[in-house]
Amino acid sequence: MTDAPKKPKKPSRQQVFTLLVQIGRKDGDGLPEKATGAALMCFSSGIDEAEAVRETVAILKQADTAPLDVTGYGTLAEREDEGHDIGDDERELMQRALDENSVIIAQMTPFFD
């Protein structure tokens, strides 16, 4: 039995996008009782921003939330180019989203009247 040469692994095309998702109320959403909704800062991996948005919305729907609007802030490099101040904790969460090919909710801010 001969050992076939191993093909080099293709570099991943996955990137991490920063998304701000506004959610409304839904039974079982886990938001505080008097909240009218919330904003979620998410780091989501995807080949492009559209895929990252689709994956994030799908996961949030599975988690019994009601996504209403998504605003994309780009990749780490795009945010750095725009002069965003990005701390080590944020960078670690972005790397985790990339490593796990996942959506990380970094912050949740509930809305009240």
PDB file of N, CA and C in Angstrom:
ATOM      1  N   MET A   1       0.847  -1.182   0.000  1.00  0.00           N
ATOM      2  CA  MET A   1       0.000   0.000   0.000  1.00  0.00           C
ATOM      3  C   MET A   1       0.886   1.237   0.000  1.00  0.00           C
ATOM      4  N   THR A   2       0.697   2.092  -0.973  1.00  0.00           N
ATOM      5  CA  THR A   2       1.531   3.289  -1.058  1.00  0.00           C
ATOM      6  C   THR A   2       0.805   4.455  -0.413  1.00  0.00           C
ATOM      7  N   ASP A   3       1.604   5.308   0.172  1.00  0.00           N
ATOM      8  CA  ASP A   3       1.031   6.506   0.778  1.00  0.00           C
ATOM      9  C   ASP A   3       0.829   7.554  -0.305  1.00  0.00           C
ATOM     10  N   ALA A   4      -0.389   7.961  -0.471  1.00  0.00           N
ATOM     11  CA  ALA A   4      -0.681   9.008  -1.442  1.00  0.00           C
ATOM     12  C   ALA A   4      -0.185  10.337  -0.873  1.00  0.00           C
ATOM     13  N   PRO A   5       0.365  11.189  -1.710  1.00  0.00           N
ATOM     14  CA  PRO A   5       0.821  12.482  -1.191  1.00  0.00           C
ATOM     15  C   PRO A   5      -0.369  13.279  -0.680  1.00  0.00           C
ATOM     16  N   LYS A   6      -0.134  13.914   0.450  1.00  0.00           N
ATOM     17  CA  LYS A   6      -1.214  14.718   1.039  1.00  0.00           C
ATOM     18  C   LYS A   6      -1.306  16.053   0.325  1.00  0.00           C
ATOM     19  N   LYS A   7      -2.526  16.400  -0.023  1.00  0.00           N
ATOM     20  CA  LYS A   7      -2.738  17.695  -0.652  1.00  0.00           C
ATOM     21  C   LYS A   7      -2.688  18.765   0.436  1.00  0.00           C
ATOM     22  N   PRO A   8      -2.076  19.897   0.134  1.00  0.00           N
ATOM     23  CA  PRO A   8      -2.072  20.958   1.136  1.00  0.00           C
ATOM     24  C   PRO A   8      -3.499  21.454   1.363  1.00  0.00           C
ATOM     25  N   LYS A   9      -3.786  21.723   2.610  1.00  0.00           N
ATOM     26  CA  LYS A   9      -5.131  22.202   2.963  1.00  0.00           C
ATOM     27  C   LYS A   9      -5.323  23.603   2.394  1.00  0.00           C
ATOM     28  N   LYS A  10      -6.456  23.795   1.737  1.00  0.00           N
ATOM     29  CA  LYS A  10      -6.758  25.114   1.198  1.00  0.00           C
ATOM     30  C   LYS A  10      -6.978  26.089   2.345  1.00  0.00           C
ATOM     31  N   PRO A  11      -6.499  27.312   2.194  1.00  0.00           N
ATOM     32  CA  PRO A  11      -6.763  28.289   3.246  1.00  0.00           C
ATOM     33  C   PRO A  11      -8.262  28.581   3.313  1.00  0.00           C
ATOM     34  N   SER A  12      -8.749  28.731   4.501  1.00  0.00           N
ATOM     35  CA  SER A  12     -10.174  28.988   4.690  1.00  0.00           C
ATOM     36  C   SER A  12     -10.541  30.356   4.134  1.00  0.00           C
ATOM     37  N   ARG A  13     -11.686  30.430   3.514  1.00  0.00           N
ATOM     38  CA  ARG A  13     -12.193  31.709   3.019  1.00  0.00           C
ATOM     39  C   ARG A  13     -13.089  32.374   4.049  1.00  0.00           C
ATOM     40  N   GLN A  14     -13.282  31.692   5.186  1.00  0.00           N
ATOM     41  CA  GLN A  14     -14.134  32.226   6.241  1.00  0.00           C
ATOM     42  C   GLN A  14     -13.520  33.497   6.812  1.00  0.00           C
ATOM     43  N   GLN A  15     -14.375  34.442   7.113  1.00  0.00           N
ATOM     44  CA  GLN A  15     -13.993  35.676   7.781  1.00  0.00           C
ATOM     45  C   GLN A  15     -14.987  35.898   8.905  1.00  0.00           C
ATOM     46  N   VAL A  16     -14.658  36.802   9.807  1.00  0.00           N
ATOM     47  CA  VAL A  16     -15.589  37.142  10.883  1.00  0.00           C
ATOM     48  C   VAL A  16     -16.104  38.555  10.642  1.00  0.00           C
ATOM     49  N   PHE A  17     -17.418  38.673  10.716  1.00  0.00           N
ATOM     50  CA  PHE A  17     -18.076  39.960  10.515  1.00  0.00           C
ATOM     51  C   PHE A  17     -18.710  40.415  11.827  1.00  0.00           C
ATOM     52  N   THR A  18     -18.638  41.711  12.063  1.00  0.00           N
ATOM     53  CA  THR A  18     -19.292  42.299  13.230  1.00  0.00           C
ATOM     54  C   THR A  18     -20.682  42.743  12.794  1.00  0.00           C
ATOM     55  N   LEU A  19     -21.690  42.250  13.504  1.00  0.00           N
ATOM     56  CA  LEU A  19     -23.083  42.556  13.175  1.00  0.00           C
ATOM     57  C   LEU A  19     -23.804  43.100  14.396  1.00  0.00           C
ATOM     58  N   LEU A  20     -24.645  44.091  14.184  1.00  0.00           N
ATOM     59  CA  LEU A  20     -25.526  44.589  15.232  1.00  0.00           C
ATOM     60  C   LEU A  20     -26.936  44.171  14.844  1.00  0.00           C
ATOM     61  N   VAL A  21     -27.549  43.326  15.686  1.00  0.00           N
ATOM     62  CA  VAL A  21     -28.875  42.785  15.386  1.00  0.00           C
ATOM     63  C   VAL A  21     -29.877  43.347  16.377  1.00  0.00           C
ATOM     64  N   GLN A  22     -30.949  43.949  15.862  1.00  0.00           N
ATOM     65  CA  GLN A  22     -32.039  44.406  16.724  1.00  0.00           C
ATOM     66  C   GLN A  22     -33.094  43.310  16.743  1.00  0.00           C
ATOM     67  N   ILE A  23     -33.532  42.968  17.949  1.00  0.00           N
ATOM     68  CA  ILE A  23     -34.569  41.953  18.080  1.00  0.00           C
ATOM     69  C   ILE A  23     -35.778  42.545  18.779  1.00  0.00           C
ATOM     70  N   GLY A  24     -36.949  42.017  18.419  1.00  0.00           N
ATOM     71  CA  GLY A  24     -38.192  42.408  19.064  1.00  0.00           C
ATOM     72  C   GLY A  24     -38.548  41.379  20.136  1.00  0.00           C
ATOM     73  N   ARG A  25     -39.731  41.527  20.693  1.00  0.00           N
ATOM     74  CA  ARG A  25     -40.177  40.605  21.736  1.00  0.00           C
ATOM     75  C   ARG A  25     -40.832  39.372  21.135  1.00  0.00           C
ATOM     76  N   LYS A  26     -40.657  38.267  21.839  1.00  0.00           N
ATOM     77  CA  LYS A  26     -41.269  37.005  21.463  1.00  0.00           C
ATOM     78  C   LYS A  26     -41.343  36.163  22.726  1.00  0.00           C
ATOM     79  N   ASP A  27     -42.411  35.386  22.890  1.00  0.00           N
ATOM     80  CA  ASP A  27     -42.515  34.518  24.065  1.00  0.00           C
ATOM     81  C   ASP A  27     -41.287  33.638  24.182  1.00  0.00           C
ATOM     82  N   GLY A  28     -40.720  33.599  25.380  1.00  0.00           N
ATOM     83  CA  GLY A  28     -39.570  32.742  25.635  1.00  0.00           C
ATOM     84  C   GLY A  28     -38.248  33.297  25.151  1.00  0.00           C
ATOM     85  N   ASP A  29     -38.193  34.606  24.851  1.00  0.00           N
ATOM     86  CA  ASP A  29     -36.958  35.178  24.301  1.00  0.00           C
ATOM     87  C   ASP A  29     -35.871  35.429  25.342  1.00  0.00           C
ATOM     88  N   GLY A  30     -36.211  35.359  26.627  1.00  0.00           N
ATOM     89  CA  GLY A  30     -35.204  35.532  27.667  1.00  0.00           C
ATOM     90  C   GLY A  30     -34.847  36.972  27.983  1.00  0.00           C
ATOM     91  N   LEU A  31     -35.534  37.926  27.364  1.00  0.00           N
ATOM     92  CA  LEU A  31     -35.263  39.327  27.661  1.00  0.00           C
ATOM     93  C   LEU A  31     -35.912  39.722  28.987  1.00  0.00           C
ATOM     94  N   PRO A  32     -35.404  40.788  29.630  1.00  0.00           N
ATOM     95  CA  PRO A  32     -36.033  41.260  30.872  1.00  0.00           C
ATOM     96  C   PRO A  32     -37.516  41.558  30.654  1.00  0.00           C
ATOM     97  N   GLU A  33     -38.296  41.380  31.711  1.00  0.00           N
ATOM     98  CA  GLU A  33     -39.758  41.451  31.627  1.00  0.00           C
ATOM     99  C   GLU A  33     -40.289  42.708  30.946  1.00  0.00           C
ATOM    100  N   LYS A  34     -39.781  43.875  31.272  1.00  0.00           N
ATOM    101  CA  LYS A  34     -40.329  45.117  30.721  1.00  0.00           C
ATOM    102  C   LYS A  34     -39.583  45.617  29.482  1.00  0.00           C
ATOM    103  N   ALA A  35     -38.652  44.829  28.979  1.00  0.00           N
ATOM    104  CA  ALA A  35     -37.911  45.227  27.778  1.00  0.00           C
ATOM    105  C   ALA A  35     -38.824  45.178  26.561  1.00  0.00           C
ATOM    106  N   THR A  36     -38.602  46.100  25.626  1.00  0.00           N
ATOM    107  CA  THR A  36     -39.373  46.122  24.381  1.00  0.00           C
ATOM    108  C   THR A  36     -38.617  45.454  23.242  1.00  0.00           C
ATOM    109  N   GLY A  37     -37.382  45.096  23.486  1.00  0.00           N
ATOM    110  CA  GLY A  37     -36.517  44.465  22.494  1.00  0.00           C
ATOM    111  C   GLY A  37     -35.086  44.582  22.978  1.00  0.00           C
ATOM    112  N   ALA A  38     -34.143  44.367  22.066  1.00  0.00           N
ATOM    113  CA  ALA A  38     -32.731  44.453  22.449  1.00  0.00           C
ATOM    114  C   ALA A  38     -31.860  44.618  21.210  1.00  0.00           C
ATOM    115  N   ALA A  39     -30.645  45.056  21.470  1.00  0.00           N
ATOM    116  CA  ALA A  39     -29.605  45.096  20.443  1.00  0.00           C
ATOM    117  C   ALA A  39     -28.562  44.060  20.827  1.00  0.00           C
ATOM    118  N   LEU A  40     -28.150  43.249  19.862  1.00  0.00           N
ATOM    119  CA  LEU A  40     -27.145  42.218  20.094  1.00  0.00           C
ATOM    120  C   LEU A  40     -25.929  42.508  19.219  1.00  0.00           C
ATOM    121  N   MET A  41     -24.762  42.638  19.851  1.00  0.00           N
ATOM    122  CA  MET A  41     -23.511  42.757  19.097  1.00  0.00           C
ATOM    123  C   MET A  41     -23.006  41.342  18.884  1.00  0.00           C
ATOM    124  N   CYS A  42     -22.890  40.949  17.621  1.00  0.00           N
ATOM    125  CA  CYS A  42     -22.512  39.572  17.283  1.00  0.00           C
ATOM    126  C   CYS A  42     -21.264  39.547  16.413  1.00  0.00           C
ATOM    127  N   PHE A  43     -20.484  38.489  16.582  1.00  0.00           N
ATOM    128  CA  PHE A  43     -19.381  38.194  15.690  1.00  0.00           C
ATOM    129  C   PHE A  43     -19.753  36.898  14.995  1.00  0.00           C
ATOM    130  N   SER A  44     -19.836  36.934  13.678  1.00  0.00           N
ATOM    131  CA  SER A  44     -20.324  35.793  12.923  1.00  0.00           C
ATOM    132  C   SER A  44     -19.373  35.468  11.781  1.00  0.00           C
ATOM    133  N   SER A  45     -19.070  34.179  11.632  1.00  0.00           N
ATOM    134  CA  SER A  45     -18.181  33.772  10.547  1.00  0.00           C
ATOM    135  C   SER A  45     -18.985  33.504   9.285  1.00  0.00           C
ATOM    136  N   GLY A  46     -18.336  33.746   8.156  1.00  0.00           N
ATOM    137  CA  GLY A  46     -18.962  33.485   6.872  1.00  0.00           C
ATOM    138  C   GLY A  46     -17.990  33.791   5.755  1.00  0.00           C
ATOM    139  N   ILE A  47     -18.292  33.283   4.583  1.00  0.00           N
ATOM    140  CA  ILE A  47     -17.450  33.564   3.425  1.00  0.00           C
ATOM    141  C   ILE A  47     -17.633  35.018   2.997  1.00  0.00           C
ATOM    142  N   ASP A  48     -18.846  35.517   3.176  1.00  0.00           N
ATOM    143  CA  ASP A  48     -19.116  36.931   2.916  1.00  0.00           C
ATOM    144  C   ASP A  48     -20.124  37.415   3.955  1.00  0.00           C
ATOM    145  N   GLU A  49     -20.376  38.710   3.956  1.00  0.00           N
ATOM    146  CA  GLU A  49     -21.256  39.274   4.969  1.00  0.00           C
ATOM    147  C   GLU A  49     -22.689  38.739   4.851  1.00  0.00           C
ATOM    148  N   ALA A  50     -23.140  38.511   3.635  1.00  0.00           N
ATOM    149  CA  ALA A  50     -24.505  37.993   3.441  1.00  0.00           C
ATOM    150  C   ALA A  50     -24.659  36.633   4.117  1.00  0.00           C
ATOM    151  N   GLU A  51     -23.663  35.760   3.963  1.00  0.00           N
ATOM    152  CA  GLU A  51     -23.734  34.457   4.620  1.00  0.00           C
ATOM    153  C   GLU A  51     -23.709  34.607   6.139  1.00  0.00           C
ATOM    154  N   ALA A  52     -22.869  35.496   6.651  1.00  0.00           N
ATOM    155  CA  ALA A  52     -22.790  35.729   8.095  1.00  0.00           C
ATOM    156  C   ALA A  52     -24.130  36.212   8.633  1.00  0.00           C
ATOM    157  N   VAL A  53     -24.782  37.095   7.899  1.00  0.00           N
ATOM    158  CA  VAL A  53     -26.099  37.605   8.321  1.00  0.00           C
ATOM    159  C   VAL A  53     -27.124  36.476   8.321  1.00  0.00           C
ATOM    160  N   ARG A  54     -27.169  35.674   7.254  1.00  0.00           N
ATOM    161  CA  ARG A  54     -28.136  34.562   7.170  1.00  0.00           C
ATOM    162  C   ARG A  54     -27.951  33.592   8.337  1.00  0.00           C
ATOM    163  N   GLU A  55     -26.706  33.224   8.606  1.00  0.00           N
ATOM    164  CA  GLU A  55     -26.422  32.286   9.699  1.00  0.00           C
ATOM    165  C   GLU A  55     -26.822  32.869  11.048  1.00  0.00           C
ATOM    166  N   THR A  56     -26.520  34.135  11.257  1.00  0.00           N
ATOM    167  CA  THR A  56     -26.848  34.783  12.530  1.00  0.00           C
ATOM    168  C   THR A  56     -28.357  34.835  12.736  1.00  0.00           C
ATOM    169  N   VAL A  57     -29.084  35.251  11.719  1.00  0.00           N
ATOM    170  CA  VAL A  57     -30.546  35.335  11.819  1.00  0.00           C
ATOM    171  C   VAL A  57     -31.137  33.946  12.069  1.00  0.00           C
ATOM    172  N   ALA A  58     -30.640  32.936  11.377  1.00  0.00           N
ATOM    173  CA  ALA A  58     -31.154  31.574  11.554  1.00  0.00           C
ATOM    174  C   ALA A  58     -30.927  31.088  12.988  1.00  0.00           C
ATOM    175  N   ILE A  59     -29.751  31.334  13.528  1.00  0.00           N
ATOM    176  CA  ILE A  59     -29.454  30.896  14.901  1.00  0.00           C
ATOM    177  C   ILE A  59     -30.295  31.658  15.911  1.00  0.00           C
ATOM    178  N   LEU A  60     -30.472  32.954  15.699  1.00  0.00           N
ATOM    179  CA  LEU A  60     -31.288  33.735  16.633  1.00  0.00           C
ATOM    180  C   LEU A  60     -32.750  33.298  16.596  1.00  0.00           C
ATOM    181  N   LYS A  61     -33.245  32.926  15.418  1.00  0.00           N
ATOM    182  CA  LYS A  61     -34.618  32.412  15.331  1.00  0.00           C
ATOM    183  C   LYS A  61     -34.742  31.086  16.062  1.00  0.00           C
ATOM    184  N   GLN A  62     -33.718  30.220  15.951  1.00  0.00           N
ATOM    185  CA  GLN A  62     -33.735  28.943  16.670  1.00  0.00           C
ATOM    186  C   GLN A  62     -33.722  29.165  18.178  1.00  0.00           C
ATOM    187  N   ALA A  63     -33.159  30.290  18.600  1.00  0.00           N
ATOM    188  CA  ALA A  63     -33.067  30.608  20.029  1.00  0.00           C
ATOM    189  C   ALA A  63     -34.313  31.354  20.524  1.00  0.00           C
ATOM    190  N   ASP A  64     -35.407  31.284  19.760  1.00  0.00           N
ATOM    191  CA  ASP A  64     -36.679  31.916  20.126  1.00  0.00           C
ATOM    192  C   ASP A  64     -36.588  33.423  20.290  1.00  0.00           C
ATOM    193  N   THR A  65     -35.784  34.079  19.438  1.00  0.00           N
ATOM    194  CA  THR A  65     -35.798  35.535  19.402  1.00  0.00           C
ATOM    195  C   THR A  65     -36.407  35.968  18.079  1.00  0.00           C
ATOM    196  N   ALA A  66     -36.718  37.254  17.979  1.00  0.00           N
ATOM    197  CA  ALA A  66     -37.359  37.788  16.780  1.00  0.00           C
ATOM    198  C   ALA A  66     -36.460  38.853  16.145  1.00  0.00           C
ATOM    199  N   PRO A  67     -35.487  38.441  15.307  1.00  0.00           N
ATOM    200  CA  PRO A  67     -34.608  39.418  14.655  1.00  0.00           C
ATOM    201  C   PRO A  67     -35.410  40.353  13.746  1.00  0.00           C
ATOM    202  N   LEU A  68     -35.155  41.657  13.887  1.00  0.00           N
ATOM    203  CA  LEU A  68     -35.876  42.645  13.098  1.00  0.00           C
ATOM    204  C   LEU A  68     -34.995  43.335  12.071  1.00  0.00           C
ATOM    205  N   ASP A  69     -33.747  43.617  12.456  1.00  0.00           N
ATOM    206  CA  ASP A  69     -32.864  44.385  11.587  1.00  0.00           C
ATOM    207  C   ASP A  69     -31.416  43.999  11.877  1.00  0.00           C
ATOM    208  N   VAL A  70     -30.594  43.965  10.840  1.00  0.00           N
ATOM    209  CA  VAL A  70     -29.173  43.647  10.995  1.00  0.00           C
ATOM    210  C   VAL A  70     -28.358  44.735  10.304  1.00  0.00           C
ATOM    211  N   THR A  71     -27.386  45.275  11.035  1.00  0.00           N
ATOM    212  CA  THR A  71     -26.451  46.243  10.471  1.00  0.00           C
ATOM    213  C   THR A  71     -25.064  45.626  10.502  1.00  0.00           C
ATOM    214  N   GLY A  72     -24.393  45.603   9.363  1.00  0.00           N
ATOM    215  CA  GLY A  72     -23.057  45.036   9.282  1.00  0.00           C
ATOM    216  C   GLY A  72     -21.996  46.109   9.438  1.00  0.00           C
ATOM    217  N   TYR A  73     -20.947  45.791  10.198  1.00  0.00           N
ATOM    218  CA  TYR A  73     -19.835  46.717  10.396  1.00  0.00           C
ATOM    219  C   TYR A  73     -18.547  46.192   9.788  1.00  0.00           C
ATOM    220  N   GLY A  74     -18.605  45.090   9.046  1.00  0.00           N
ATOM    221  CA  GLY A  74     -17.459  44.585   8.316  1.00  0.00           C
ATOM    222  C   GLY A  74     -16.582  43.635   9.102  1.00  0.00           C
ATOM    223  N   THR A  75     -15.450  43.313   8.492  1.00  0.00           N
ATOM    224  CA  THR A  75     -14.473  42.405   9.088  1.00  0.00           C
ATOM    225  C   THR A  75     -13.555  43.184  10.024  1.00  0.00           C
ATOM    226  N   LEU A  76     -12.699  42.467  10.724  1.00  0.00           N
ATOM    227  CA  LEU A  76     -11.724  43.098  11.614  1.00  0.00           C
ATOM    228  C   LEU A  76     -10.870  44.092  10.824  1.00  0.00           C
ATOM    229  N   ALA A  77     -10.355  43.664   9.670  1.00  0.00           N
ATOM    230  CA  ALA A  77      -9.504  44.547   8.860  1.00  0.00           C
ATOM    231  C   ALA A  77     -10.263  45.791   8.406  1.00  0.00           C
ATOM    232  N   GLU A  78     -11.509  45.621   7.995  1.00  0.00           N
ATOM    233  CA  GLU A  78     -12.311  46.767   7.555  1.00  0.00           C
ATOM    234  C   GLU A  78     -12.561  47.725   8.709  1.00  0.00           C
ATOM    235  N   ARG A  79     -12.832  47.182   9.881  1.00  0.00           N
ATOM    236  CA  ARG A  79     -13.064  48.035  11.044  1.00  0.00           C
ATOM    237  C   ARG A  79     -11.791  48.776  11.456  1.00  0.00           C
ATOM    238  N   GLU A  80     -10.657  48.085  11.375  1.00  0.00           N
ATOM    239  CA  GLU A  80      -9.377  48.747  11.688  1.00  0.00           C
ATOM    240  C   GLU A  80      -9.103  49.875  10.704  1.00  0.00           C
ATOM    241  N   ASP A  81      -9.381  49.631   9.408  1.00  0.00           N
ATOM    242  CA  ASP A  81      -9.183  50.658   8.380  1.00  0.00           C
ATOM    243  C   ASP A  81     -10.039  51.895   8.651  1.00  0.00           C
ATOM    244  N   GLU A  82     -11.204  51.689   9.279  1.00  0.00           N
ATOM    245  CA  GLU A  82     -12.098  52.796   9.590  1.00  0.00           C
ATOM    246  C   GLU A  82     -11.747  53.465  10.910  1.00  0.00           C
ATOM    247  N   GLY A  83     -10.725  52.940  11.594  1.00  0.00           N
ATOM    248  CA  GLY A  83     -10.278  53.564  12.835  1.00  0.00           C
ATOM    249  C   GLY A  83     -11.018  53.130  14.087  1.00  0.00           C
ATOM    250  N   HIS A  84     -11.748  52.023  14.017  1.00  0.00           N
ATOM    251  CA  HIS A  84     -12.454  51.522  15.196  1.00  0.00           C
ATOM    252  C   HIS A  84     -11.452  51.073  16.257  1.00  0.00           C
ATOM    253  N   ASP A  85     -11.746  51.355  17.502  1.00  0.00           N
ATOM    254  CA  ASP A  85     -10.923  50.891  18.617  1.00  0.00           C
ATOM    255  C   ASP A  85     -11.412  49.496  18.993  1.00  0.00           C
ATOM    256  N   ILE A  86     -10.567  48.489  18.784  1.00  0.00           N
ATOM    257  CA  ILE A  86     -10.966  47.102  19.006  1.00  0.00           C
ATOM    258  C   ILE A  86     -10.062  46.512  20.078  1.00  0.00           C
ATOM    259  N   GLY A  87     -10.663  46.183  21.223  1.00  0.00           N
ATOM    260  CA  GLY A  87      -9.904  45.672  22.354  1.00  0.00           C
ATOM    261  C   GLY A  87      -9.535  44.208  22.214  1.00  0.00           C
ATOM    262  N   ASP A  88      -8.643  43.769  23.100  1.00  0.00           N
ATOM    263  CA  ASP A  88      -8.185  42.377  23.070  1.00  0.00           C
ATOM    264  C   ASP A  88      -9.328  41.393  23.284  1.00  0.00           C
ATOM    265  N   ASP A  89     -10.270  41.727  24.189  1.00  0.00           N
ATOM    266  CA  ASP A  89     -11.387  40.816  24.455  1.00  0.00           C
ATOM    267  C   ASP A  89     -12.250  40.632  23.213  1.00  0.00           C
ATOM    268  N   GLU A  90     -12.449  41.718  22.466  1.00  0.00           N
ATOM    269  CA  GLU A  90     -13.238  41.650  21.232  1.00  0.00           C
ATOM    270  C   GLU A  90     -12.498  40.799  20.183  1.00  0.00           C
ATOM    271  N   ARG A  91     -11.199  40.996  20.080  1.00  0.00           N
ATOM    272  CA  ARG A  91     -10.385  40.223  19.133  1.00  0.00           C
ATOM    273  C   ARG A  91     -10.431  38.727  19.463  1.00  0.00           C
ATOM    274  N   GLU A  92     -10.395  38.410  20.762  1.00  0.00           N
ATOM    275  CA  GLU A  92     -10.462  37.007  21.185  1.00  0.00           C
ATOM    276  C   GLU A  92     -11.788  36.382  20.787  1.00  0.00           C
ATOM    277  N   LEU A  93     -12.882  37.131  20.962  1.00  0.00           N
ATOM    278  CA  LEU A  93     -14.202  36.610  20.580  1.00  0.00           C
ATOM    279  C   LEU A  93     -14.307  36.431  19.065  1.00  0.00           C
ATOM    280  N   MET A  94     -13.719  37.347  18.323  1.00  0.00           N
ATOM    281  CA  MET A  94     -13.712  37.219  16.861  1.00  0.00           C
ATOM    282  C   MET A  94     -12.933  35.978  16.442  1.00  0.00           C
ATOM    283  N   GLN A  95     -11.796  35.755  17.072  1.00  0.00           N
ATOM    284  CA  GLN A  95     -10.998  34.577  16.742  1.00  0.00           C
ATOM    285  C   GLN A  95     -11.753  33.306  17.095  1.00  0.00           C
ATOM    286  N   ARG A  96     -12.459  33.331  18.217  1.00  0.00           N
ATOM    287  CA  ARG A  96     -13.260  32.165  18.617  1.00  0.00           C
ATOM    288  C   ARG A  96     -14.347  31.876  17.585  1.00  0.00           C
ATOM    289  N   ALA A  97     -15.024  32.931  17.103  1.00  0.00           N
ATOM    290  CA  ALA A  97     -16.055  32.749  16.074  1.00  0.00           C
ATOM    291  C   ALA A  97     -15.450  32.126  14.820  1.00  0.00           C
ATOM    292  N   LEU A  98     -14.238  32.551  14.466  1.00  0.00           N
ATOM    293  CA  LEU A  98     -13.572  31.996  13.289  1.00  0.00           C
ATOM    294  C   LEU A  98     -13.166  30.547  13.527  1.00  0.00           C
ATOM    295  N   ASP A  99     -12.546  30.278  14.675  1.00  0.00           N
ATOM    296  CA  ASP A  99     -12.071  28.926  14.988  1.00  0.00           C
ATOM    297  C   ASP A  99     -13.217  27.918  15.043  1.00  0.00           C
ATOM    298  N   GLU A 100     -14.352  28.358  15.599  1.00  0.00           N
ATOM    299  CA  GLU A 100     -15.498  27.463  15.794  1.00  0.00           C
ATOM    300  C   GLU A 100     -16.503  27.546  14.649  1.00  0.00           C
ATOM    301  N   ASN A 101     -16.252  28.442  13.668  1.00  0.00           N
ATOM    302  CA  ASN A 101     -17.197  28.675  12.584  1.00  0.00           C
ATOM    303  C   ASN A 101     -18.589  28.894  13.169  1.00  0.00           C
ATOM    304  N   SER A 102     -18.681  29.907  14.039  1.00  0.00           N
ATOM    305  CA  SER A 102     -19.904  30.087  14.807  1.00  0.00           C
ATOM    306  C   SER A 102     -20.321  31.552  14.889  1.00  0.00           C
ATOM    307  N   VAL A 103     -21.407  31.754  15.612  1.00  0.00           N
ATOM    308  CA  VAL A 103     -21.902  33.093  15.926  1.00  0.00           C
ATOM    309  C   VAL A 103     -21.698  33.304  17.420  1.00  0.00           C
ATOM    310  N   ILE A 104     -21.030  34.380  17.767  1.00  0.00           N
ATOM    311  CA  ILE A 104     -20.789  34.725  19.164  1.00  0.00           C
ATOM    312  C   ILE A 104     -21.583  35.994  19.465  1.00  0.00           C
ATOM    313  N   ILE A 105     -22.418  35.950  20.490  1.00  0.00           N
ATOM    314  CA  ILE A 105     -23.106  37.163  20.943  1.00  0.00           C
ATOM    315  C   ILE A 105     -22.220  37.778  22.004  1.00  0.00           C
ATOM    316  N   ALA A 106     -21.620  38.916  21.653  1.00  0.00           N
ATOM    317  CA  ALA A 106     -20.645  39.558  22.527  1.00  0.00           C
ATOM    318  C   ALA A 106     -21.304  40.471  23.548  1.00  0.00           C
ATOM    319  N   GLN A 107     -22.436  41.043  23.195  1.00  0.00           N
ATOM    320  CA  GLN A 107     -23.096  41.991  24.094  1.00  0.00           C
ATOM    321  C   GLN A 107     -24.581  42.032  23.786  1.00  0.00           C
ATOM    322  N   MET A 108     -25.393  42.179  24.835  1.00  0.00           N
ATOM    323  CA  MET A 108     -26.829  42.325  24.677  1.00  0.00           C
ATOM    324  C   MET A 108     -27.263  43.556  25.465  1.00  0.00           C
ATOM    325  N   THR A 109     -27.929  44.474  24.796  1.00  0.00           N
ATOM    326  CA  THR A 109     -28.431  45.678  25.446  1.00  0.00           C
ATOM    327  C   THR A 109     -29.946  45.729  25.270  1.00  0.00           C
ATOM    328  N   PRO A 110     -30.697  45.496  26.367  1.00  0.00           N
ATOM    329  CA  PRO A 110     -32.151  45.532  26.244  1.00  0.00           C
ATOM    330  C   PRO A 110     -32.660  46.962  26.066  1.00  0.00           C
ATOM    331  N   PHE A 111     -33.789  47.101  25.367  1.00  0.00           N
ATOM    332  CA  PHE A 111     -34.445  48.394  25.171  1.00  0.00           C
ATOM    333  C   PHE A 111     -35.644  48.472  26.104  1.00  0.00           C
ATOM    334  N   PHE A 112     -35.832  49.629  26.704  1.00  0.00           N
ATOM    335  CA  PHE A 112     -36.990  49.892  27.546  1.00  0.00           C
ATOM    336  C   PHE A 112     -37.655  51.164  27.065  1.00  0.00           C
ATOM    337  N   ASP A 113     -38.987  51.285  27.300  1.00  0.00           N
ATOM    338  CA  ASP A 113     -39.679  52.524  26.914  1.00  0.00           C
ATOM    339  C   ASP A 113     -39.157  53.695  27.706  1.00  0.00           C
TER     340      ASP A 113
END
